C-alpha atoms as a PDB file:
ATOM      1  CA  MET A   1       0.000   0.000   0.000  1.00  0.00           C
ATOM      2  CA  ARG A   2       2.851   2.328   0.829  1.00  0.00           C
ATOM      3  CA  HIS A   3       4.327   1.774  -2.648  1.00  0.00           C
ATOM      4  CA  VAL A   4       0.994   2.593  -4.317  1.00  0.00           C
ATOM      5  CA  ALA A   5       0.685   5.859  -2.379  1.00  0.00           C
ATOM      6  CA  LEU A   6       4.259   6.817  -3.312  1.00  0.00           C
ATOM      7  CA  ALA A   7       3.624   6.014  -6.991  1.00  0.00           C
ATOM      8  CA  LEU A   8       0.432   8.119  -6.991  1.00  0.00           C
ATOM      9  CA  ALA A   9       2.267  11.034  -5.374  1.00  0.00           C
ATOM     10  CA  LEU A  10       5.050  10.855  -7.960  1.00  0.00           C
ATOM     11  CA  VAL A  11       2.519  10.901 -10.804  1.00  0.00           C
ATOM     12  CA  THR A  12       0.038  13.507  -9.500  1.00  0.00           C
ATOM     13  CA  VAL A  13       2.347  16.128  -7.946  1.00  0.00           C
ATOM     14  CA  PRO A  14       4.461  16.882 -11.064  1.00  0.00           C
ATOM     15  CA  ALA A  15       1.408  16.904 -13.395  1.00  0.00           C
ATOM     16  CA  PRO A  16       0.591  20.612 -12.806  1.00  0.00           C
ATOM     17  CA  LEU A  17       4.240  21.429 -13.484  1.00  0.00           C
ATOM     18  CA  TRP A  18       4.111  19.662 -16.863  1.00  0.00           C
ATOM     19  CA  ALA A  19       0.987  21.634 -17.758  1.00  0.00           C
ATOM     20  CA  GLN A  20       2.920  24.907 -17.395  1.00  0.00           C
ATOM     21  CA  SER A  21       5.630  24.035 -19.893  1.00  0.00           C
ATOM     22  CA  GLY A  22       5.786  23.705 -23.657  1.00  0.00           C
ATOM     23  CA  SER A  23       3.453  25.368 -26.132  1.00  0.00           C
ATOM     24  CA  ALA A  24       0.496  25.256 -23.686  1.00  0.00           C
ATOM     25  CA  ALA A  25       2.266  27.491 -21.169  1.00  0.00           C
ATOM     26  CA  PRO A  26       1.142  31.124 -20.994  1.00  0.00           C
ATOM     27  CA  LYS A  27       3.591  33.700 -22.331  1.00  0.00           C
ATOM     28  CA  PRO A  28       5.613  35.368 -19.578  1.00  0.00           C
ATOM     29  CA  VAL A  29       4.431  38.878 -18.786  1.00  0.00           C
ATOM     30  CA  HIS A  30       7.102  41.554 -18.581  1.00  0.00           C
ATOM     31  CA  THR A  31       6.862  43.434 -15.330  1.00  0.00           C
ATOM     32  CA  LEU A  32       8.559  46.713 -14.611  1.00  0.00           C
ATOM     33  CA  GLU A  33      10.281  47.712 -11.402  1.00  0.00           C
ATOM     34  CA  LEU A  34       9.176  51.320 -10.890  1.00  0.00           C
ATOM     35  CA  SER A  35      10.272  51.944  -7.304  1.00  0.00           C
ATOM     36  CA  GLY A  36      12.185  55.120  -6.671  1.00  0.00           C
ATOM     37  CA  PRO A  37      12.558  58.461  -4.899  1.00  0.00           C
ATOM     38  CA  ARG A  38       9.670  60.909  -4.588  1.00  0.00           C
ATOM     39  CA  ILE A  39       9.633  64.629  -3.864  1.00  0.00           C
ATOM     40  CA  GLY A  40       6.717  67.024  -3.684  1.00  0.00           C
ATOM     41  CA  LEU A  41       4.412  69.290  -1.724  1.00  0.00           C
ATOM     42  CA  THR A  42       1.341  68.763   0.423  1.00  0.00           C
ATOM     43  CA  MET A  43      -1.245  71.442   1.093  1.00  0.00           C
ATOM     44  CA  LEU A  44      -2.930  71.125   4.486  1.00  0.00           C
ATOM     45  CA  SER A  45      -6.360  72.485   5.348  1.00  0.00           C
ATOM     46  CA  ASP A  46      -6.776  74.538   8.537  1.00  0.00           C
ATOM     47  CA  GLY A  47      -8.442  71.552  10.234  1.00  0.00           C
ATOM     48  CA  VAL A  48      -5.493  69.284   9.509  1.00  0.00           C
ATOM     49  CA  ARG A  49      -3.067  71.933  10.776  1.00  0.00           C
ATOM     50  CA  ALA A  50      -5.118  72.290  13.992  1.00  0.00           C
ATOM     51  CA  SER A  51      -5.096  68.504  14.458  1.00  0.00           C
ATOM     52  CA  LEU A  52      -1.309  68.453  14.045  1.00  0.00           C
ATOM     53  CA  LEU A  53      -0.925  71.391  16.442  1.00  0.00           C
ATOM     54  CA  GLU A  54      -2.743  69.368  19.136  1.00  0.00           C
ATOM     55  CA  LYS A  55       0.149  66.890  18.748  1.00  0.00           C
ATOM     56  CA  HIS A  56       2.669  69.751  19.085  1.00  0.00           C
ATOM     57  CA  ILE A  57       3.449  69.783  15.355  1.00  0.00           C
ATOM     58  CA  ASP A  58       3.333  73.392  14.133  1.00  0.00           C
ATOM     59  CA  VAL A  59       3.625  73.739  10.351  1.00  0.00           C
ATOM     60  CA  LYS A  60       2.482  76.123   7.634  1.00  0.00           C
ATOM     61  CA  SER A  61      -0.274  75.196   5.189  1.00  0.00           C
ATOM     62  CA  THR A  62       2.218  73.848   2.608  1.00  0.00           C
ATOM     63  CA  ILE A  63       4.890  71.331   3.552  1.00  0.00           C
ATOM     64  CA  SER A  64       7.640  69.586   1.588  1.00  0.00           C
ATOM     65  CA  GLN A  65       7.553  65.825   1.043  1.00  0.00           C
ATOM     66  CA  PHE A  66      10.535  63.524   0.549  1.00  0.00           C
ATOM     67  CA  GLY A  67      10.367  59.774   0.361  1.00  0.00           C
ATOM     68  CA  TRP A  68      10.400  56.551  -1.582  1.00  0.00           C
ATOM     69  CA  GLN A  69       7.785  54.630  -3.517  1.00  0.00           C
ATOM     70  CA  PHE A  70       7.959  50.834  -3.629  1.00  0.00           C
ATOM     71  CA  GLU A  71       5.869  49.664  -6.568  1.00  0.00           C
ATOM     72  CA  ARG A  72       5.012  46.253  -7.992  1.00  0.00           C
ATOM     73  CA  GLN A  73       2.773  45.041 -10.759  1.00  0.00           C
ATOM     74  CA  PHE A  74       0.630  42.086  -9.807  1.00  0.00           C
ATOM     75  CA  TYR A  75      -1.296  41.724 -13.066  1.00  0.00           C
ATOM     76  CA  ALA A  76      -0.336  42.757 -16.564  1.00  0.00           C
ATOM     77  CA  LYS A  77      -1.747  42.034 -19.973  1.00  0.00           C
ATOM     78  CA  GLU A  78       0.482  42.741 -22.958  1.00  0.00           C
ATOM     79  CA  GLY A  79      -0.702  46.077 -24.353  1.00  0.00           C
ATOM     80  CA  GLY A  80      -3.494  46.353 -21.755  1.00  0.00           C
ATOM     81  CA  VAL A  81      -4.225  47.686 -18.317  1.00  0.00           C
ATOM     82  CA  THR A  82      -1.795  46.795 -15.532  1.00  0.00           C
ATOM     83  CA  ALA A  83      -2.748  46.303 -11.875  1.00  0.00           C
ATOM     84  CA  VAL A  84      -0.217  47.663  -9.379  1.00  0.00           C
ATOM     85  CA  HIS A  85       0.221  48.125  -5.672  1.00  0.00           C
ATOM     86  CA  GLU A  86       2.475  50.740  -4.134  1.00  0.00           C
ATOM     87  CA  TRP A  87       3.860  51.550  -0.728  1.00  0.00           C
ATOM     88  CA  VAL A  88       4.735  55.232  -0.470  1.00  0.00           C
ATOM     89  CA  VAL A  89       6.778  56.284   2.570  1.00  0.00           C
ATOM     90  CA  LEU A  90       7.189  60.041   3.008  1.00  0.00           C
ATOM     91  CA  LEU A  91       8.629  62.541   5.471  1.00  0.00           C
ATOM     92  CA  GLY A  92       6.869  65.884   5.346  1.00  0.00           C
ATOM     93  CA  GLY A  93       7.728  69.254   6.818  1.00  0.00           C
ATOM     94  CA  LEU A  94      11.508  68.947   6.611  1.00  0.00           C
ATOM     95  CA  ASP A  95      11.591  72.448   5.119  1.00  0.00           C
ATOM     96  CA  GLN A  96      10.113  73.686   8.422  1.00  0.00           C
ATOM     97  CA  GLY A  97      12.409  71.749  10.751  1.00  0.00           C
ATOM     98  CA  THR A  98      10.015  68.911  11.538  1.00  0.00           C
ATOM     99  CA  ALA A  99       9.528  65.366  10.280  1.00  0.00           C
ATOM    100  CA  ILE A 100       5.942  64.237   9.746  1.00  0.00           C
ATOM    101  CA  PRO A 101       5.898  60.591   8.643  1.00  0.00           C
ATOM    102  CA  SER A 102       3.323  59.317   6.188  1.00  0.00           C
ATOM    103  CA  LEU A 103       2.672  55.730   5.109  1.00  0.00           C
ATOM    104  CA  ASN A 104       0.426  54.978   2.128  1.00  0.00           C
ATOM    105  CA  TRP A 105      -0.595  51.705   0.526  1.00  0.00           C
ATOM    106  CA  LEU A 106      -2.265  52.181  -2.840  1.00  0.00           C
ATOM    107  CA  VAL A 107      -3.823  49.627  -5.158  1.00  0.00           C
ATOM    108  CA  GLY A 108      -4.593  50.787  -8.656  1.00  0.00           C
ATOM    109  CA  LEU A 109      -4.568  50.492 -12.404  1.00  0.00           C
ATOM    110  CA  ARG A 110      -2.196  51.842 -15.046  1.00  0.00           C
ATOM    111  CA  THR A 111      -2.980  52.228 -18.731  1.00  0.00           C
ATOM    112  CA  PRO A 112      -0.438  51.462 -21.486  1.00  0.00           C
ATOM    113  CA  GLU A 113      -0.176  55.242 -22.042  1.00  0.00           C
ATOM    114  CA  GLY A 114       1.047  55.723 -18.441  1.00  0.00           C
ATOM    115  CA  ALA A 115      -2.088  57.116 -16.763  1.00  0.00           C
ATOM    116  CA  GLU A 116      -2.759  55.620 -13.349  1.00  0.00           C
ATOM    117  CA  PHE A 117      -5.422  55.672 -10.664  1.00  0.00           C
ATOM    118  CA  GLY A 118      -5.201  54.298  -7.129  1.00  0.00           C
ATOM    119  CA  ILE A 119      -6.881  54.118  -3.760  1.00  0.00           C
ATOM    120  CA  GLY A 120      -5.758  52.929  -0.345  1.00  0.00           C
ATOM    121  CA  PRO A 121      -5.105  53.648   3.321  1.00  0.00           C
ATOM    122  CA  ASN A 122      -3.020  56.596   4.515  1.00  0.00           C
ATOM    123  CA  LEU A 123      -1.494  56.812   8.001  1.00  0.00           C
ATOM    124  CA  THR A 124      -0.013  60.038   9.444  1.00  0.00           C
ATOM    125  CA  PRO A 125       0.071  61.777  12.843  1.00  0.00           C
ATOM    126  CA  ALA A 126      -3.002  63.687  11.613  1.00  0.00           C
ATOM    127  CA  GLY A 127      -4.900  60.376  11.540  1.00  0.00           C
ATOM    128  CA  VAL A 128      -5.907  57.465   9.368  1.00  0.00           C
ATOM    129  CA  ALA A 129      -7.724  58.127   6.112  1.00  0.00           C
ATOM    130  CA  LEU A 130      -8.337  56.901   2.588  1.00  0.00           C
ATOM    131  CA  ALA A 131      -6.048  58.313  -0.108  1.00  0.00           C
ATOM    132  CA  LEU A 132      -7.225  58.768  -3.698  1.00  0.00           C
ATOM    133  CA  SER A 133      -4.540  59.262  -6.327  1.00  0.00           C
ATOM    134  CA  ALA A 134      -4.187  59.862 -10.040  1.00  0.00           C
ATOM    135  CA  GLY A 135      -1.192  60.514 -12.203  1.00  0.00           C
ATOM    136  CA  VAL A 136       0.733  59.934 -15.341  1.00  0.00           C
ATOM    137  CA  THR A 137       4.235  58.628 -16.025  1.00  0.00           C
ATOM    138  CA  PHE A 138       6.247  60.292 -18.756  1.00  0.00           C
ATOM    139  CA  LYS A 139       8.834  58.068 -20.450  1.00  0.00           C
ATOM    140  CA  SER A 140      12.095  59.038 -22.091  1.00  0.00           C
ATOM    141  CA  GLY A 141      14.236  56.061 -23.030  1.00  0.00           C
ATOM    142  CA  ALA A 142      14.835  54.063 -19.857  1.00  0.00           C
ATOM    143  CA  LEU A 143      13.860  57.025 -17.638  1.00  0.00           C
ATOM    144  CA  ASN A 144      10.380  57.223 -16.109  1.00  0.00           C
ATOM    145  CA  VAL A 145       9.144  60.476 -14.566  1.00  0.00           C
ATOM    146  CA  PRO A 146       5.908  59.956 -12.607  1.00  0.00           C
ATOM    147  CA  MET A 147       3.677  62.917 -11.735  1.00  0.00           C
ATOM    148  CA  ASN A 148       1.047  62.089  -9.112  1.00  0.00           C
ATOM    149  CA  PHE A 149      -1.783  64.017  -7.487  1.00  0.00           C
ATOM    150  CA  ALA A 150      -3.359  62.685  -4.273  1.00  0.00           C
ATOM    151  CA  VAL A 151      -6.308  63.809  -2.160  1.00  0.00           C
ATOM    152  CA  VAL A 152      -6.794  62.593   1.407  1.00  0.00           C
ATOM    153  CA  PRO A 153     -10.149  63.714   2.838  1.00  0.00           C
ATOM    154  CA  THR A 154     -10.550  63.322   6.621  1.00  0.00           C
ATOM    155  CA  LYS A 155     -12.981  64.345   9.347  1.00  0.00           C
ATOM    156  CA  VAL A 156     -10.779  67.312  10.293  1.00  0.00           C
ATOM    157  CA  GLY A 157      -9.903  68.482   6.774  1.00  0.00           C
ATOM    158  CA  THR A 158      -8.243  67.609   3.511  1.00  0.00           C
ATOM    159  CA  ARG A 159      -4.644  67.045   2.455  1.00  0.00           C
ATOM    160  CA  VAL A 160      -3.697  67.495  -1.199  1.00  0.00           C
ATOM    161  CA  SER A 161      -0.313  66.292  -2.456  1.00  0.00           C
ATOM    162  CA  ILE A 162       1.622  66.657  -5.688  1.00  0.00           C
ATOM    163  CA  LEU A 163       4.591  64.290  -6.059  1.00  0.00           C
ATOM    164  CA  THR A 164       7.141  63.543  -8.725  1.00  0.00           C
ATOM    165  CA  GLY A 165      10.280  61.472  -8.926  1.00  0.00           C
ATOM    166  CA  PHE A 166      12.189  59.324 -11.342  1.00  0.00           C
ATOM    167  CA  THR A 167      12.934  55.691 -11.936  1.00  0.00           C
ATOM    168  CA  MET A 168      15.001  53.780 -14.417  1.00  0.00           C
ATOM    169  CA  ARG A 169      12.976  51.182 -16.287  1.00  0.00           C
ATOM    170  CA  ARG A 170      14.265  47.681 -15.582  1.00  0.00           C
ATOM    171  CA  ARG A 171      12.728  44.455 -16.855  1.00  0.00           C
END
């Protein structure tokens, strides 16, 4: 009986692997690594500034943003829409002598032309909220220059960010 079970395991386990090879296998999808530095500005409403002031963070209505975006495609169709998820880690307010951390996780879609739309959670000292983003990536050879616009509405007010950066296209 033990020999029969071993023989069945040897036949059934590799079968899915055989199905993924040869002419029946799907074509590999090229994914791009688009992680890279980000720089920009965030405009804070009076309510957001008041909320930050309660936490002893005193900033003007516009703050600088510096950070890094970690981006991965998780679905791509050759010549079609691509599904991506991004982690964006930023430090705001450095121009005013303070460091306001921001963590964003966005899930979205990108068109072949470079337009993208995303939504996801945003975490800052001002609170937790839902970030909505849109943007476009301009391409020049191997260089990508993303331009993104994000709106984060909260109970105390709204934050609006404009970010750019650059990445080198790698396959």
